[in-house]
Amino acid sequence: MTTTTTLRPRLPLNTFGISFGTAGIAGTWTTAGDLLGAPAAIGEVLWAAAAVAWVVTIVRYLRRPGGIRAIVADLRHPVLGPFAALVPAVGSLLAVHVSTWAPTVGAVGVWAMLALTTAFGAWFMTDLLTTPRDPGTLHGGYLLPTVASSLLGAQALATIGHPALATGFFATGVLFWLLVGAVLLVRFATGPAIPAALLPTLAIVSAPPAVAGNAWWVLTGGTPSIVHTALAGVMVAFLLPHAFLVRRYLRSGFAIGFWAMTFTTAASATYGIRLLTSTDLGTLGIASAWVVVALATVIVGSIAVRSMGLFLQRPHDAAAAAVPAADRRPGKSLD
């Protein structure tokens, strides 16, 4: 008599991209509600979905076999490790939203997430500086622990009323954007070719201009400035190459990793709405802003629908597909 044991699929850290992208598009609809008169309920439903996805993913991840050793191994993983920054990043976005109707609770959440993201960012940079790694493992997600976390921290701090400290985080984010971004550009230009499973992380490289723009918007109260003009131009320059990558994205095969594209889409849409409604374009600006909202919603919604289908039809394959090919070595279990 033989027995078989069904092992619970490993939940990779990049799965947190689901709640990150959902929070991003929630922010887009909240901004659309403020500036375009969109129904506020849409944004609130999306914020609730992001919170549920975040909590469920944390619980599911912590239940995986291996305990603390497995978590530490994930944090040190050259491909998946940077995605750990998404945990406090999503928490920060949720806390900022909560602060709009429960200021004290939201502020406590912001400070707690800021402590986590700062600690992880410092640890990540220490590991990056002292542990040589294969250039082939570098990808757009390496911008998350320092660049994205600092810029989102700046936005959060500005929202709860700490503009001076927020400016420091903003400057830190821009500095790491230049440093880490330069390293990634060299890696992409000199090879090896980025594997299909990591192709969606190229979208993360295009996120900093929009994330910085949104942070600066909150810091300055939306006051028009040369900074917004510069960031808007850089945002467009970083987004345009993806139009030429559409065929490669489609050919690469869908996986949960495509959620890496969603926050860039949402953050760019949010910044676009703010810029378009602050100009003197009038009706044209409003109409263009609505087109931006619709386009971002379609992109994020399409990825969400494909993800649901993947989990409903093949839950084990969905978990396996979330693991980049570089992490799938012969004889290596998903647990």
Foldseek 3Di string as FASTA:
>chain_A
DDDDDDADFAFFLLLLLLLLLLLLLLLLQCLCCVQVVHDNVVSVVSLVVSVVSLVVSVVVNCPHPDHPVVVVCNCLDLARNLSNLSNLLSQLSSLLVVCVPVVVSSVVSLVVSLVVLVVSLVVVVVCPVPPDDDLQRDFLSNLRSWQLSLLSNLQSCLSSPNLVVSVVSLVRNVVVLVVVLVSNVCDCVVDDDHALLRVLSLLSNLQRLLSSLSSVCSSVVLDDDVSLVVSLVSSCVSPVVVVVCVVSNVVSDDASSNSSNSSSLSSNLNSLLSVLSVDPPPPVSSVVSVVSSVVSCVSSVVSVVVLVVCCVVPVSVRSVSNDDPVPDDPPDGSD
